[in-house]
Every structure is written in structure tokens, then in C-alpha cells.
Amino acid sequence: MPSVHVKTSRLFTLIELLVVIAIISILVALLLPAISQAKKTAMSSQCLNNQHQTSLALLQYSDDYQGWIPSQYVYNYIGHIMPWGVMICKVTNRWGGPDPGVYLQNGTALFCPSQNPPEVYDWSATINTTYLTYGIISPASSGNWNGYPWTSWTFTETRSSAYDRWLNLAKCPKPSNIGLIGDSIQNSGSRNQFCFYEPNNLWNHIQVHTRHNNGANFAFVDGHCALVKEGDIKSDLAIKYYCRQNFVEVVLP
């Protein structure tokens, strides 16, 4: 009588299962930093793209107004403050309409994607996201920056309670070396980070924020965008105040 071979299935032992789990854990541990770094790199690239769109809008605005663009904020025709982003982007307003012309169709391009940006750029009575944008350089009424007198390419109009600040991009002495807008942060509880009030003046602790791989993205007056590393902030931007990713403030000599 022929023998009968019974085919039995082999089950994993507990040791073999633990070995598989350990190998998977090691692979996950090795991959997570790479995935995290890839995500940070993607956010930095999107940030540069946003800044490029915004700087192009500012350049188009300057073409229509003899080189002038708003810096920080200005007063509109009925005496209310209008942040620079409102001047180039059509938003829901508290008072009247923005400056004539819509230069930036996508208002979310005013925000860095790594900063939990709002879904809309709004200036309504209940929602105000206009002060959470990238920072724009805001000139002083006197003195100089990087050896160039502010008065040679800027204009500040004194009003009763504030100032209108303007930049003339056509007269900018070093368009390839002067940062126009960049990654900013207010390290004082609030988030009024929409300007650098004279970049070497620690006004309200608004500073360059090195949030991207120990550097800050900047769009320059000539339209090019670049990541400026911490070690190059003073030489490339002529700025001595900045804030690190962990919100530690740094003052360069």
C-alpha cells in the first residue's frame, strides 16, 4: 500500500515574528528622517515659489506707479491703515477696496507653507490674516542701510498717528543684494510679522526667521529668490538681527 504524505503548513515561531518586527522597525527608523527632510525641502521650495509670485506682483505694481511700492502699510483714501499685501491682492476688506489693480491673484502666496498658513488671505471685520504674511523691508525716515541712504530710494510721509512708507524699486541702489521680502517672525507673543521695520532695528522683535534648513528664504529687489543661510545673513542681507527655528534671538556683531 503506497504511503500517504500529508502536507503541513509551517507557522512562524514567536522568535521569527519578533525578528521581522525588529527589521521593520529599523527600516522605519532609517526612512523617517529622510521623509521628514524631503518634506522640509518641499516646503522650502514652495516657499520660494510663493515669494517669487509675490515679488513679481510687487514689480508689476512698481511698473504702474513709477517704481513705487508700499512698504509695511499706508493709509487709504479714508484714513485707514492698509497693509502692503492688501495693496497688491484683492481681499475681503473692512474699508472700501484695495489700491486700483489686482496684482496677486492667489493671496495664499503671501504666506510661508511651513508656518501653518491660513487658508485665505482676509481683511474682514472678524478675520484678519494680513499681518501674518512674509516680511517686507520698511525703511527708516533717516540714516542708511548697508551704506545706502534710505532717502535716496524711499519715501516716508509722517501722519498724525503713523507713517506711510514707500520704496522705489527703480531707484534701488543694489537690487541684486537687497532683500525685498523674506521669512519673518515676531518673537514676542503676537504675530505681526508683515514687515521688517528698518531691518537693523529690533522693533516689536520682528526678525528674519531661519526656518528652512538653518536659513531664510528671500526674494530680492531684482526678482531672484534664494535661501540665505545663517552664516550669510550679515554679508548677503546687511541684517544683524535674526531668530532661529527654536525662536532664539541672535544679534550679530
Protein backbone atom coordinates (compact mmCIF):
# COMPACT_ATOMS: atom_id res chain seq x y z
CA MET A 1 0.00 0.00 0.00
CA PRO A 2 1.51 3.33 -1.07
CA SER A 3 2.43 5.75 1.68
CA VAL A 4 0.44 8.94 2.06
CA HIS A 5 2.37 12.21 2.51
CA VAL A 6 0.42 14.80 4.45
CA LYS A 7 1.46 18.39 3.53
CA THR A 8 1.56 20.54 6.61
CA SER A 9 1.95 24.32 6.72
CA ARG A 10 4.84 25.80 8.68
CA LEU A 11 3.87 28.57 11.08
CA PHE A 12 6.09 31.45 12.17
CA THR A 13 7.62 30.96 15.52
CA LEU A 14 7.49 33.77 18.05
CA ILE A 15 11.20 34.46 17.61
CA GLU A 16 10.87 34.73 13.83
CA LEU A 17 7.92 37.13 14.20
CA LEU A 18 9.91 39.32 16.61
CA VAL A 19 12.84 39.38 14.17
CA VAL A 20 10.55 40.56 11.34
CA ILE A 21 9.07 43.27 13.56
CA ALA A 22 12.57 44.40 14.57
CA ILE A 23 13.69 44.63 10.93
CA ILE A 24 10.59 46.68 10.01
CA SER A 25 11.22 48.99 12.97
CA ILE A 26 14.82 49.56 11.88
CA LEU A 27 13.72 50.33 8.31
CA VAL A 28 11.10 52.80 9.54
CA ALA A 29 13.66 54.49 11.80
CA LEU A 30 16.03 54.82 8.85
CA LEU A 31 13.36 56.16 6.48
CA LEU A 32 11.60 58.66 8.77
CA PRO A 33 14.43 61.26 8.84
CA ALA A 34 14.72 61.08 5.05
CA ILE A 35 10.95 61.54 4.67
CA SER A 36 10.98 64.43 7.15
CA GLN A 37 13.87 66.11 5.33
CA ALA A 38 12.13 65.64 1.99
CA LYS A 39 9.01 67.30 3.40
CA LYS A 40 11.07 70.25 4.69
CA THR A 41 12.79 70.60 1.32
CA ALA A 42 9.43 70.57 -0.46
CA MET A 43 8.11 73.29 1.88
CA SER A 44 11.19 75.42 1.28
CA SER A 45 10.73 75.06 -2.49
CA GLN A 46 7.05 76.02 -2.20
CA CYS A 47 8.04 78.97 -0.03
CA LEU A 48 10.48 80.20 -2.69
CA ASN A 49 7.76 79.79 -5.32
CA ASN A 50 5.35 81.85 -3.19
CA GLN A 51 7.94 84.58 -2.73
CA HIS A 52 8.64 84.59 -6.46
CA GLN A 53 4.93 85.11 -7.24
CA THR A 54 4.68 87.87 -4.64
CA SER A 55 7.82 89.67 -5.80
CA LEU A 56 6.57 89.60 -9.39
CA ALA A 57 3.32 91.19 -8.21
CA LEU A 58 5.29 93.93 -6.43
CA LEU A 59 7.41 94.52 -9.55
CA GLN A 60 4.26 94.83 -11.67
CA TYR A 61 2.82 97.28 -9.13
CA SER A 62 6.02 99.33 -9.33
CA ASP A 63 5.77 99.43 -13.13
CA ASP A 64 2.35 101.06 -12.83
CA TYR A 65 3.41 103.61 -10.19
CA GLN A 66 6.74 104.99 -11.44
CA GLY A 67 8.75 102.47 -9.45
CA TRP A 68 6.95 102.90 -6.12
CA ILE A 69 5.55 100.06 -3.99
CA PRO A 70 4.01 100.12 -0.49
CA SER A 71 6.23 99.12 2.41
CA GLN A 72 4.74 97.98 5.70
CA TYR A 73 1.43 99.84 5.35
CA VAL A 74 -0.08 103.07 4.07
CA TYR A 75 -3.26 104.98 4.78
CA ASN A 76 -6.04 104.65 2.22
CA TYR A 77 -8.18 107.50 0.98
CA ILE A 78 -10.47 107.46 4.02
CA GLY A 79 -7.65 107.35 6.55
CA HIS A 80 -7.41 103.68 7.47
CA ILE A 81 -4.26 101.58 7.53
CA MET A 82 -3.79 99.24 4.56
CA PRO A 83 -1.03 96.60 4.86
CA TRP A 84 1.20 96.14 1.83
CA GLY A 85 -0.39 92.79 0.94
CA VAL A 86 -3.81 94.41 0.64
CA MET A 87 -2.37 96.84 -1.90
CA ILE A 88 -1.42 94.07 -4.32
CA CYS A 89 -4.07 91.44 -3.60
CA LYS A 90 -7.84 91.65 -3.80
CA VAL A 91 -9.20 90.62 -0.39
CA THR A 92 -12.31 90.99 1.72
CA ASN A 93 -11.85 94.47 3.16
CA ARG A 94 -13.02 96.35 6.19
CA TRP A 95 -12.99 99.73 4.48
CA GLY A 96 -13.52 100.17 0.78
CA GLY A 97 -11.47 98.46 -1.91
CA PRO A 98 -7.73 97.95 -2.23
CA ASP A 99 -5.47 100.12 -4.33
CA PRO A 100 -6.57 100.03 -8.02
CA GLY A 101 -5.48 96.86 -9.76
CA VAL A 102 -5.13 93.26 -8.66
CA TYR A 103 -1.53 92.11 -8.95
CA LEU A 104 -1.60 88.85 -6.99
CA GLN A 105 -4.49 86.51 -7.74
CA ASN A 106 -3.56 83.90 -5.14
CA GLY A 107 -3.48 85.53 -1.71
CA THR A 108 -2.09 82.42 -0.02
CA ALA A 109 1.19 83.04 -1.85
CA LEU A 110 1.82 85.71 0.80
CA PHE A 111 2.36 83.01 3.46
CA CYS A 112 5.13 80.52 4.14
CA PRO A 113 3.73 76.96 3.89
CA SER A 114 5.76 75.79 6.90
CA GLN A 115 4.05 78.24 9.28
CA ASN A 116 0.56 76.69 9.36
CA PRO A 117 -0.69 79.36 6.95
CA PRO A 118 -4.35 80.39 6.88
CA GLU A 119 -6.44 79.05 4.03
CA VAL A 120 -7.43 82.54 2.90
CA TYR A 121 -5.92 85.99 2.90
CA ASP A 122 -8.61 88.06 4.55
CA TRP A 123 -9.05 91.54 5.99
CA SER A 124 -12.65 91.31 7.09
CA ALA A 125 -14.01 92.55 10.41
CA THR A 126 -13.87 89.09 12.01
CA ILE A 127 -10.81 87.53 10.37
CA ASN A 128 -7.51 89.32 9.88
CA THR A 129 -4.63 87.40 8.35
CA THR A 130 -2.92 90.39 6.73
CA TYR A 131 -0.23 90.66 9.40
CA LEU A 132 0.88 87.01 9.14
CA THR A 133 2.50 87.32 5.71
CA TYR A 134 6.12 87.42 4.67
CA GLY A 135 8.01 90.43 5.96
CA ILE A 136 8.75 93.33 3.64
CA ILE A 137 11.56 95.78 4.33
CA SER A 138 10.28 99.00 5.83
CA PRO A 139 12.63 102.00 5.62
CA ALA A 140 13.55 104.46 8.31
CA SER A 141 12.93 108.16 7.77
CA SER A 142 16.66 108.86 8.09
CA GLY A 143 20.01 107.09 8.20
CA ASN A 144 21.15 104.34 5.83
CA TRP A 145 21.15 100.63 5.30
CA ASN A 146 24.22 98.81 4.06
CA GLY A 147 25.81 102.18 3.34
CA TYR A 148 22.98 103.45 1.15
CA PRO A 149 20.90 106.37 2.47
CA TRP A 150 17.24 105.47 2.86
CA THR A 151 16.22 108.82 1.43
CA SER A 152 17.81 108.01 -1.95
CA TRP A 153 15.18 105.39 -2.83
CA THR A 154 12.44 105.55 -0.20
CA PHE A 155 9.77 107.95 0.98
CA THR A 156 8.19 108.24 4.41
CA GLU A 157 5.21 110.51 4.91
CA THR A 158 4.56 111.47 8.51
CA ARG A 159 0.94 111.39 9.63
CA SER A 160 -0.71 112.13 12.95
CA SER A 161 -0.58 108.57 14.28
CA ALA A 162 1.64 106.61 11.88
CA TYR A 163 3.78 106.78 8.76
CA ASP A 164 3.21 105.98 5.11
CA ARG A 165 6.29 104.10 3.90
CA TRP A 166 7.19 103.59 0.24
CA LEU A 167 10.07 102.01 -1.67
CA ASN A 168 11.12 102.97 -5.18
CA LEU A 169 12.41 99.79 -6.80
CA ALA A 170 13.58 101.70 -9.88
CA LYS A 171 15.94 103.74 -7.69
CA CYS A 172 17.15 100.88 -5.50
CA PRO A 173 20.97 101.16 -5.39
CA LYS A 174 21.69 97.41 -5.20
CA PRO A 175 18.67 95.42 -6.47
CA SER A 176 20.53 92.09 -6.50
CA ASN A 177 21.78 92.48 -2.93
CA ILE A 178 18.83 93.99 -1.09
CA GLY A 179 16.20 91.57 0.17
CA LEU A 180 12.67 92.77 -0.54
CA ILE A 181 10.50 90.18 1.22
CA GLY A 182 11.54 87.23 3.33
CA ASP A 183 10.80 84.72 6.06
CA SER A 184 9.94 86.66 9.19
CA ILE A 185 8.66 86.05 12.71
CA GLN A 186 7.59 88.14 15.68
CA ASN A 187 9.18 86.65 18.75
CA SER A 188 7.04 88.46 21.31
CA GLY A 189 3.77 86.57 21.60
CA SER A 190 1.95 88.29 18.74
CA ARG A 191 2.41 87.55 15.03
CA ASN A 192 2.81 90.98 13.46
CA GLN A 193 5.43 89.68 11.05
CA PHE A 194 4.44 91.50 7.86
CA CYS A 195 7.46 93.83 7.79
CA PHE A 196 11.00 94.42 8.95
CA TYR A 197 10.81 97.88 10.44
CA GLU A 198 14.24 99.09 9.31
CA PRO A 199 15.98 95.70 9.25
CA ASN A 200 18.56 96.57 11.90
CA ASN A 201 16.03 97.98 14.34
CA LEU A 202 14.57 95.43 16.76
CA TRP A 203 11.02 96.80 16.50
CA ASN A 204 8.49 94.54 18.22
CA HIS A 205 11.01 91.69 17.87
CA ILE A 206 10.13 91.19 14.19
CA GLN A 207 13.12 89.48 12.63
CA VAL A 208 14.40 87.29 9.85
CA HIS A 209 13.39 83.72 10.73
CA THR A 210 15.79 80.95 9.72
CA ARG A 211 13.08 78.31 9.46
CA HIS A 212 14.35 76.47 6.38
CA ASN A 213 17.41 74.30 7.00
CA ASN A 214 19.13 76.97 9.13
CA GLY A 215 18.36 79.65 6.62
CA ALA A 216 15.68 82.10 5.48
CA ASN A 217 14.17 82.40 2.01
CA PHE A 218 14.28 85.85 0.46
CA ALA A 219 13.06 87.50 -2.74
CA PHE A 220 15.42 90.28 -3.77
CA VAL A 221 14.58 93.58 -5.43
CA ASP A 222 15.79 92.33 -8.83
CA GLY A 223 13.29 89.44 -8.67
CA HIS A 224 15.56 86.49 -7.90
CA CYS A 225 14.86 84.30 -4.87
CA ALA A 226 17.34 82.39 -2.73
CA LEU A 227 17.89 80.66 0.59
CA VAL A 228 20.18 82.77 2.78
CA LYS A 229 21.99 80.70 5.40
CA GLU A 230 22.54 81.97 8.93
CA GLY A 231 26.24 82.47 8.25
CA ASP A 232 25.47 84.68 5.24
CA ILE A 233 22.72 86.89 6.71
CA LYS A 234 25.04 89.77 7.57
CA SER A 235 27.02 89.68 4.31
CA ASP A 236 24.10 88.98 1.94
CA LEU A 237 21.34 90.99 3.63
CA ALA A 238 23.21 93.52 5.82
CA ILE A 239 20.96 92.44 8.70
CA LYS A 240 22.28 91.78 12.19
CA TYR A 241 19.10 90.57 13.94
CA TYR A 242 17.56 87.19 13.25
CA CYS A 243 15.59 84.48 15.00
CA ARG A 244 16.43 80.80 14.81
CA GLN A 245 13.98 77.95 14.26
CA ASN A 246 13.76 77.40 18.03
CA PHE A 247 12.89 81.11 18.48
CA VAL A 248 16.27 82.02 19.98
CA GLU A 249 17.12 85.59 19.01
CA VAL A 250 20.60 86.26 17.63
CA VAL A 251 22.39 89.61 17.40
CA LEU A 252 25.37 89.60 15.06
CA PRO A 253 28.38 91.83 15.82
